[in-house]
N, C-alpha and C. Protein backbone atom coordinates (compact mmCIF):
# COMPACT_ATOMS: atom_id res chain seq x y z
N MET A 1 11.31 -2.75 30.81
CA MET A 1 12.68 -2.68 30.32
C MET A 1 12.69 -2.54 28.80
N MET A 2 11.83 -3.31 28.09
CA MET A 2 11.79 -3.23 26.63
C MET A 2 11.41 -1.83 26.18
N LEU A 3 10.47 -1.20 26.84
CA LEU A 3 10.07 0.15 26.48
C LEU A 3 11.24 1.11 26.65
N LEU A 4 12.00 0.96 27.72
CA LEU A 4 13.16 1.81 27.96
C LEU A 4 14.18 1.66 26.84
N MET A 5 14.42 0.44 26.36
CA MET A 5 15.37 0.21 25.29
C MET A 5 14.88 0.86 23.99
N LYS A 6 13.60 0.75 23.70
CA LYS A 6 13.05 1.36 22.49
C LYS A 6 13.22 2.87 22.55
N GLU A 7 13.07 3.46 23.73
CA GLU A 7 13.22 4.91 23.87
C GLU A 7 14.66 5.34 23.63
N ARG A 8 15.61 4.45 23.81
CA ARG A 8 17.02 4.81 23.71
C ARG A 8 17.62 4.52 22.35
N THR A 9 16.82 4.10 21.38
CA THR A 9 17.36 3.85 20.05
C THR A 9 17.68 5.17 19.37
N ILE A 10 18.60 5.12 18.45
CA ILE A 10 19.04 6.32 17.75
C ILE A 10 18.16 6.54 16.53
N ASP A 11 17.59 7.72 16.44
CA ASP A 11 16.70 8.06 15.34
C ASP A 11 17.40 7.90 14.00
N GLY A 12 16.69 7.30 13.06
CA GLY A 12 17.19 7.19 11.70
C GLY A 12 18.17 6.07 11.47
N PHE A 13 18.42 5.24 12.47
CA PHE A 13 19.41 4.17 12.30
C PHE A 13 19.04 3.25 11.15
N GLY A 14 17.79 2.81 11.11
CA GLY A 14 17.35 1.87 10.08
C GLY A 14 17.52 2.42 8.68
N GLN A 15 17.12 3.66 8.50
CA GLN A 15 17.25 4.29 7.19
C GLN A 15 18.72 4.43 6.81
N ARG A 16 19.55 4.80 7.78
CA ARG A 16 20.99 4.94 7.53
C ARG A 16 21.60 3.59 7.14
N LEU A 17 21.22 2.54 7.87
CA LEU A 17 21.72 1.20 7.56
C LEU A 17 21.32 0.79 6.14
N THR A 18 20.08 1.05 5.77
CA THR A 18 19.59 0.73 4.43
C THR A 18 20.40 1.48 3.38
N GLU A 19 20.59 2.77 3.57
CA GLU A 19 21.32 3.58 2.59
C GLU A 19 22.77 3.12 2.46
N LEU A 20 23.42 2.83 3.58
CA LEU A 20 24.81 2.39 3.53
C LEU A 20 24.92 1.02 2.85
N ARG A 21 24.00 0.13 3.16
CA ARG A 21 24.00 -1.20 2.53
C ARG A 21 23.84 -1.07 1.03
N LYS A 22 22.88 -0.27 0.60
CA LYS A 22 22.63 -0.11 -0.83
C LYS A 22 23.80 0.60 -1.52
N SER A 23 24.43 1.56 -0.83
CA SER A 23 25.55 2.27 -1.44
C SER A 23 26.75 1.34 -1.66
N ARG A 24 26.81 0.25 -0.90
CA ARG A 24 27.87 -0.75 -1.08
C ARG A 24 27.43 -1.82 -2.10
N GLY A 25 26.21 -1.68 -2.62
CA GLY A 25 25.73 -2.62 -3.62
C GLY A 25 25.39 -3.98 -3.05
N LEU A 26 25.00 -4.03 -1.78
CA LEU A 26 24.70 -5.30 -1.12
C LEU A 26 23.21 -5.48 -0.92
N THR A 27 22.76 -6.72 -1.02
CA THR A 27 21.39 -7.05 -0.65
C THR A 27 21.36 -7.31 0.85
N GLN A 28 20.16 -7.41 1.41
CA GLN A 28 20.05 -7.77 2.83
C GLN A 28 20.66 -9.14 3.07
N THR A 29 20.45 -10.05 2.15
CA THR A 29 20.99 -11.40 2.28
C THR A 29 22.51 -11.38 2.29
N GLU A 30 23.11 -10.63 1.35
CA GLU A 30 24.57 -10.57 1.28
C GLU A 30 25.17 -9.96 2.53
N LEU A 31 24.58 -8.86 3.01
CA LEU A 31 25.11 -8.24 4.23
C LEU A 31 24.95 -9.19 5.40
N GLY A 32 23.80 -9.84 5.50
CA GLY A 32 23.57 -10.80 6.57
C GLY A 32 24.61 -11.92 6.57
N GLN A 33 24.90 -12.46 5.39
CA GLN A 33 25.90 -13.53 5.30
C GLN A 33 27.27 -13.03 5.75
N ARG A 34 27.61 -11.82 5.40
CA ARG A 34 28.93 -11.28 5.75
C ARG A 34 29.08 -11.03 7.25
N VAL A 35 27.97 -10.74 7.94
CA VAL A 35 28.06 -10.47 9.38
C VAL A 35 27.54 -11.63 10.22
N GLY A 36 27.10 -12.71 9.56
CA GLY A 36 26.70 -13.91 10.28
C GLY A 36 25.29 -13.90 10.84
N VAL A 37 24.37 -13.20 10.15
CA VAL A 37 22.96 -13.21 10.55
C VAL A 37 22.12 -13.42 9.30
N SER A 38 20.83 -13.66 9.48
CA SER A 38 19.95 -13.87 8.33
C SER A 38 19.54 -12.53 7.73
N ASN A 39 19.00 -12.61 6.51
CA ASN A 39 18.50 -11.39 5.88
C ASN A 39 17.32 -10.82 6.66
N ARG A 40 16.59 -11.66 7.36
CA ARG A 40 15.46 -11.17 8.18
C ARG A 40 15.95 -10.31 9.33
N VAL A 41 17.11 -10.65 9.88
CA VAL A 41 17.68 -9.84 10.96
C VAL A 41 18.07 -8.47 10.41
N ILE A 42 18.69 -8.45 9.23
CA ILE A 42 19.06 -7.18 8.62
C ILE A 42 17.80 -6.36 8.34
N ALA A 43 16.76 -6.99 7.80
CA ALA A 43 15.50 -6.29 7.53
C ALA A 43 14.93 -5.70 8.82
N TYR A 44 15.00 -6.46 9.90
CA TYR A 44 14.50 -5.98 11.19
C TYR A 44 15.24 -4.72 11.63
N TYR A 45 16.56 -4.72 11.51
CA TYR A 45 17.34 -3.57 11.94
C TYR A 45 17.23 -2.38 11.00
N GLU A 46 16.71 -2.61 9.81
CA GLU A 46 16.49 -1.50 8.89
C GLU A 46 15.19 -0.76 9.19
N VAL A 47 14.45 -1.25 10.19
CA VAL A 47 13.25 -0.55 10.66
C VAL A 47 13.71 0.48 11.68
N ASP A 48 13.15 1.66 11.63
CA ASP A 48 13.64 2.77 12.46
C ASP A 48 13.62 2.53 13.97
N ASP A 49 12.74 1.70 14.49
CA ASP A 49 12.68 1.55 15.94
C ASP A 49 13.50 0.37 16.44
N ALA A 50 14.35 -0.20 15.61
CA ALA A 50 15.19 -1.32 16.01
C ALA A 50 16.65 -0.94 15.88
N GLN A 51 17.47 -1.55 16.70
CA GLN A 51 18.90 -1.27 16.67
C GLN A 51 19.66 -2.50 17.14
N PRO A 52 20.74 -2.88 16.44
CA PRO A 52 21.47 -4.09 16.81
C PRO A 52 22.33 -3.90 18.05
N PRO A 53 22.73 -5.02 18.66
CA PRO A 53 23.63 -4.94 19.81
C PRO A 53 25.02 -4.47 19.36
N GLY A 54 25.80 -4.01 20.31
CA GLY A 54 27.12 -3.45 20.03
C GLY A 54 28.03 -4.33 19.21
N ALA A 55 28.07 -5.63 19.51
CA ALA A 55 28.96 -6.53 18.78
C ALA A 55 28.59 -6.58 17.30
N LEU A 56 27.31 -6.54 16.99
CA LEU A 56 26.87 -6.57 15.59
C LEU A 56 27.15 -5.23 14.92
N LEU A 57 27.09 -4.14 15.68
CA LEU A 57 27.44 -2.82 15.12
C LEU A 57 28.86 -2.83 14.56
N VAL A 58 29.77 -3.45 15.29
CA VAL A 58 31.17 -3.52 14.85
C VAL A 58 31.26 -4.26 13.52
N ASP A 59 30.58 -5.41 13.42
CA ASP A 59 30.61 -6.19 12.18
C ASP A 59 29.96 -5.44 11.03
N LEU A 60 28.84 -4.78 11.29
CA LEU A 60 28.15 -4.03 10.25
C LEU A 60 29.03 -2.89 9.74
N ALA A 61 29.63 -2.15 10.65
CA ALA A 61 30.49 -1.03 10.25
C ALA A 61 31.65 -1.53 9.41
N ARG A 62 32.24 -2.64 9.82
CA ARG A 62 33.38 -3.20 9.08
C ARG A 62 32.96 -3.59 7.66
N GLU A 63 31.85 -4.30 7.53
CA GLU A 63 31.40 -4.75 6.22
C GLU A 63 30.92 -3.61 5.33
N LEU A 64 30.36 -2.58 5.94
CA LEU A 64 29.88 -1.43 5.16
C LEU A 64 30.99 -0.41 4.93
N GLN A 65 32.15 -0.67 5.51
CA GLN A 65 33.33 0.18 5.37
C GLN A 65 33.06 1.61 5.82
N VAL A 66 32.45 1.71 7.00
CA VAL A 66 32.20 3.00 7.64
C VAL A 66 32.64 2.90 9.10
N THR A 67 32.74 4.02 9.75
CA THR A 67 33.02 4.00 11.18
C THR A 67 31.71 3.76 11.92
N ILE A 68 31.82 3.35 13.16
CA ILE A 68 30.61 3.17 13.98
C ILE A 68 29.92 4.51 14.17
N ASP A 69 30.69 5.58 14.30
CA ASP A 69 30.09 6.92 14.41
C ASP A 69 29.26 7.26 13.18
N GLU A 70 29.75 6.87 12.00
CA GLU A 70 28.97 7.12 10.77
C GLU A 70 27.72 6.24 10.75
N LEU A 71 27.87 4.99 11.16
CA LEU A 71 26.73 4.08 11.18
C LEU A 71 25.64 4.55 12.14
N LEU A 72 26.06 5.09 13.27
CA LEU A 72 25.10 5.56 14.28
C LEU A 72 24.58 6.97 13.99
N GLY A 73 25.16 7.65 13.01
CA GLY A 73 24.70 8.99 12.67
C GLY A 73 25.33 10.09 13.49
N MET A 74 26.38 9.77 14.22
CA MET A 74 27.06 10.78 15.02
C MET A 74 27.97 11.64 14.15
N LYS A 75 28.39 11.09 13.02
CA LYS A 75 29.18 11.80 12.02
C LYS A 75 28.54 11.53 10.67
N PRO A 76 28.54 12.50 9.78
CA PRO A 76 27.98 12.22 8.46
C PRO A 76 28.88 11.24 7.71
N PRO A 77 28.28 10.31 6.95
CA PRO A 77 29.10 9.36 6.20
C PRO A 77 29.85 10.07 5.08
N LYS A 78 31.03 9.58 4.79
CA LYS A 78 31.80 10.10 3.67
C LYS A 78 31.09 9.72 2.38
N GLN A 79 31.33 10.48 1.34
CA GLN A 79 30.72 10.17 0.05
C GLN A 79 31.18 8.79 -0.41
N ARG A 80 30.27 7.98 -0.80
CA ARG A 80 30.55 6.62 -1.25
C ARG A 80 30.19 6.49 -2.72
N ALA A 81 30.66 5.42 -3.32
CA ALA A 81 30.32 5.14 -4.71
C ALA A 81 28.83 4.81 -4.81
N THR A 82 28.30 4.96 -5.99
CA THR A 82 26.91 4.59 -6.22
C THR A 82 26.76 3.08 -6.12
N PRO A 83 25.53 2.59 -5.89
CA PRO A 83 25.34 1.14 -5.84
C PRO A 83 25.81 0.45 -7.12
N LYS A 84 25.57 1.07 -8.26
CA LYS A 84 25.99 0.49 -9.53
C LYS A 84 27.51 0.36 -9.58
N ALA A 85 28.22 1.40 -9.15
CA ALA A 85 29.68 1.35 -9.13
C ALA A 85 30.18 0.31 -8.13
N ALA A 86 29.49 0.17 -7.02
CA ALA A 86 29.89 -0.82 -6.01
C ALA A 86 29.74 -2.23 -6.56
N ARG A 87 28.66 -2.48 -7.28
CA ARG A 87 28.46 -3.82 -7.88
C ARG A 87 29.54 -4.09 -8.93
N LEU A 88 29.86 -3.08 -9.73
CA LEU A 88 30.90 -3.24 -10.74
C LEU A 88 32.24 -3.54 -10.08
N ARG A 89 32.54 -2.82 -8.99
CA ARG A 89 33.80 -3.04 -8.27
C ARG A 89 33.87 -4.47 -7.74
N ARG A 90 32.77 -4.97 -7.20
CA ARG A 90 32.74 -6.34 -6.68
C ARG A 90 32.99 -7.35 -7.80
N ARG A 91 32.43 -7.10 -8.97
CA ARG A 91 32.66 -8.00 -10.11
C ARG A 91 34.11 -7.98 -10.54
N LEU A 92 34.68 -6.79 -10.57
CA LEU A 92 36.08 -6.69 -10.96
C LEU A 92 36.99 -7.38 -9.93
N GLN A 93 36.61 -7.34 -8.68
CA GLN A 93 37.39 -8.05 -7.66
C GLN A 93 37.34 -9.55 -7.89
N ARG A 94 36.22 -10.04 -8.38
CA ARG A 94 36.12 -11.47 -8.71
C ARG A 94 37.02 -11.80 -9.89
N VAL A 95 37.09 -10.89 -10.87
CA VAL A 95 37.97 -11.11 -12.03
C VAL A 95 39.42 -11.19 -11.58
N GLU A 96 39.79 -10.39 -10.58
CA GLU A 96 41.17 -10.41 -10.06
C GLU A 96 41.57 -11.78 -9.52
N LYS A 97 40.60 -12.58 -9.13
CA LYS A 97 40.89 -13.90 -8.58
C LYS A 97 41.09 -14.96 -9.66
N LEU A 98 40.79 -14.60 -10.91
CA LEU A 98 40.96 -15.54 -12.02
C LEU A 98 42.43 -15.68 -12.38
N PRO A 99 42.78 -16.76 -13.08
CA PRO A 99 44.15 -16.89 -13.58
C PRO A 99 44.47 -15.74 -14.54
N THR A 100 45.75 -15.41 -14.67
CA THR A 100 46.18 -14.27 -15.48
C THR A 100 45.65 -14.34 -16.91
N ALA A 101 45.68 -15.50 -17.51
CA ALA A 101 45.20 -15.65 -18.89
C ALA A 101 43.71 -15.29 -18.99
N ASP A 102 42.92 -15.71 -18.01
CA ASP A 102 41.49 -15.39 -18.01
C ASP A 102 41.27 -13.89 -17.79
N GLN A 103 42.07 -13.28 -16.91
CA GLN A 103 41.96 -11.84 -16.70
C GLN A 103 42.21 -11.09 -18.01
N LYS A 104 43.24 -11.50 -18.75
CA LYS A 104 43.55 -10.85 -20.02
C LYS A 104 42.40 -11.03 -21.01
N ALA A 105 41.78 -12.19 -21.02
CA ALA A 105 40.65 -12.44 -21.93
C ALA A 105 39.48 -11.52 -21.59
N VAL A 106 39.19 -11.36 -20.31
CA VAL A 106 38.10 -10.49 -19.88
C VAL A 106 38.39 -9.05 -20.31
N LEU A 107 39.63 -8.59 -20.08
CA LEU A 107 40.00 -7.23 -20.45
C LEU A 107 39.93 -7.02 -21.96
N LYS A 108 40.31 -8.02 -22.75
CA LYS A 108 40.21 -7.91 -24.21
C LYS A 108 38.75 -7.77 -24.63
N MET A 109 37.86 -8.54 -23.99
CA MET A 109 36.44 -8.45 -24.32
C MET A 109 35.90 -7.07 -23.97
N ILE A 110 36.29 -6.54 -22.83
CA ILE A 110 35.84 -5.21 -22.43
C ILE A 110 36.35 -4.17 -23.42
N ASP A 111 37.64 -4.24 -23.75
CA ASP A 111 38.23 -3.30 -24.70
C ASP A 111 37.53 -3.37 -26.05
N ALA A 112 37.27 -4.58 -26.54
CA ALA A 112 36.60 -4.75 -27.84
C ALA A 112 35.19 -4.18 -27.81
N LEU A 113 34.46 -4.43 -26.74
CA LEU A 113 33.10 -3.90 -26.64
C LEU A 113 33.12 -2.38 -26.61
N CYS A 114 34.01 -1.81 -25.80
CA CYS A 114 34.10 -0.35 -25.71
C CYS A 114 34.47 0.25 -27.07
N GLU A 115 35.42 -0.38 -27.76
CA GLU A 115 35.84 0.12 -29.08
C GLU A 115 34.68 0.05 -30.08
N SER A 116 33.92 -1.04 -30.04
CA SER A 116 32.80 -1.19 -31.00
C SER A 116 31.69 -0.18 -30.72
N ARG A 117 31.59 0.28 -29.49
CA ARG A 117 30.56 1.27 -29.11
C ARG A 117 31.08 2.70 -29.13
N GLY A 118 32.36 2.86 -29.47
CA GLY A 118 32.94 4.19 -29.54
C GLY A 118 33.17 4.82 -28.18
N VAL A 119 33.33 3.99 -27.16
CA VAL A 119 33.57 4.48 -25.79
C VAL A 119 35.06 4.52 -25.56
N ARG A 120 35.53 5.67 -25.12
CA ARG A 120 36.97 5.82 -24.86
C ARG A 120 37.23 6.00 -23.40
């Protein structure tokens, strides 16, 4: 039975999972925490001959913000932000949770740094 299941895995799933995870700026640990499994489980599924059960596919697709068809490779994934942009977006989302006065302070610091570096 195990051999039959290995034969039915979708080619390239592990590589696709890795690329989607990295494009969202997530580590294996962070993705694992978001879907309720360990980083070792994520690492296991990032190997080409492994594939998660259906219920975990739903959680992975949701956290990676892709469709299950994109996750399984049945449809090409839409263009996503770079990992660097994804990390920056996550940081800015954390700033949004700060009190208004702190948000303004962060924005002033960013504006001052950009102005001092001549970035417009």
